[in-house]
Amino acid sequence: METRVAVMSIIVENRETAEILNTILHEYGEYIIGRMGIPYRQKGISIISIAIDAPQNTISALSGRIGKLPGISVKTAFSNVVSDHA
């Protein structure tokens, strides 16, 4: 199975949706390399970065699910690093 390395940038403007977001991220935990969350209290938002190594369709599915959540924005940057995992 061919995988790609990517970084997802997530901005959480609706804290009520954060629990659903965490549940979704937990479902994809086997692919997540690392996660960093920064609360920006002055603006009332949180900024989350996710490093992921997964098949491209899995990354796209995760991004799509997150993007449908109210009050959450997500952008994904793909690297050119592609590997073949059996």
Foldseek 3Di string as FASTA:
>chain_A
DKKFKKKKKKKAQDVVCVVVLVVLCVVVVVFWPDKDKDQPVVNNMIIMMTIGIGHPVVVVVSQVVQCVTPRMDMDMDTDPDMDDDD
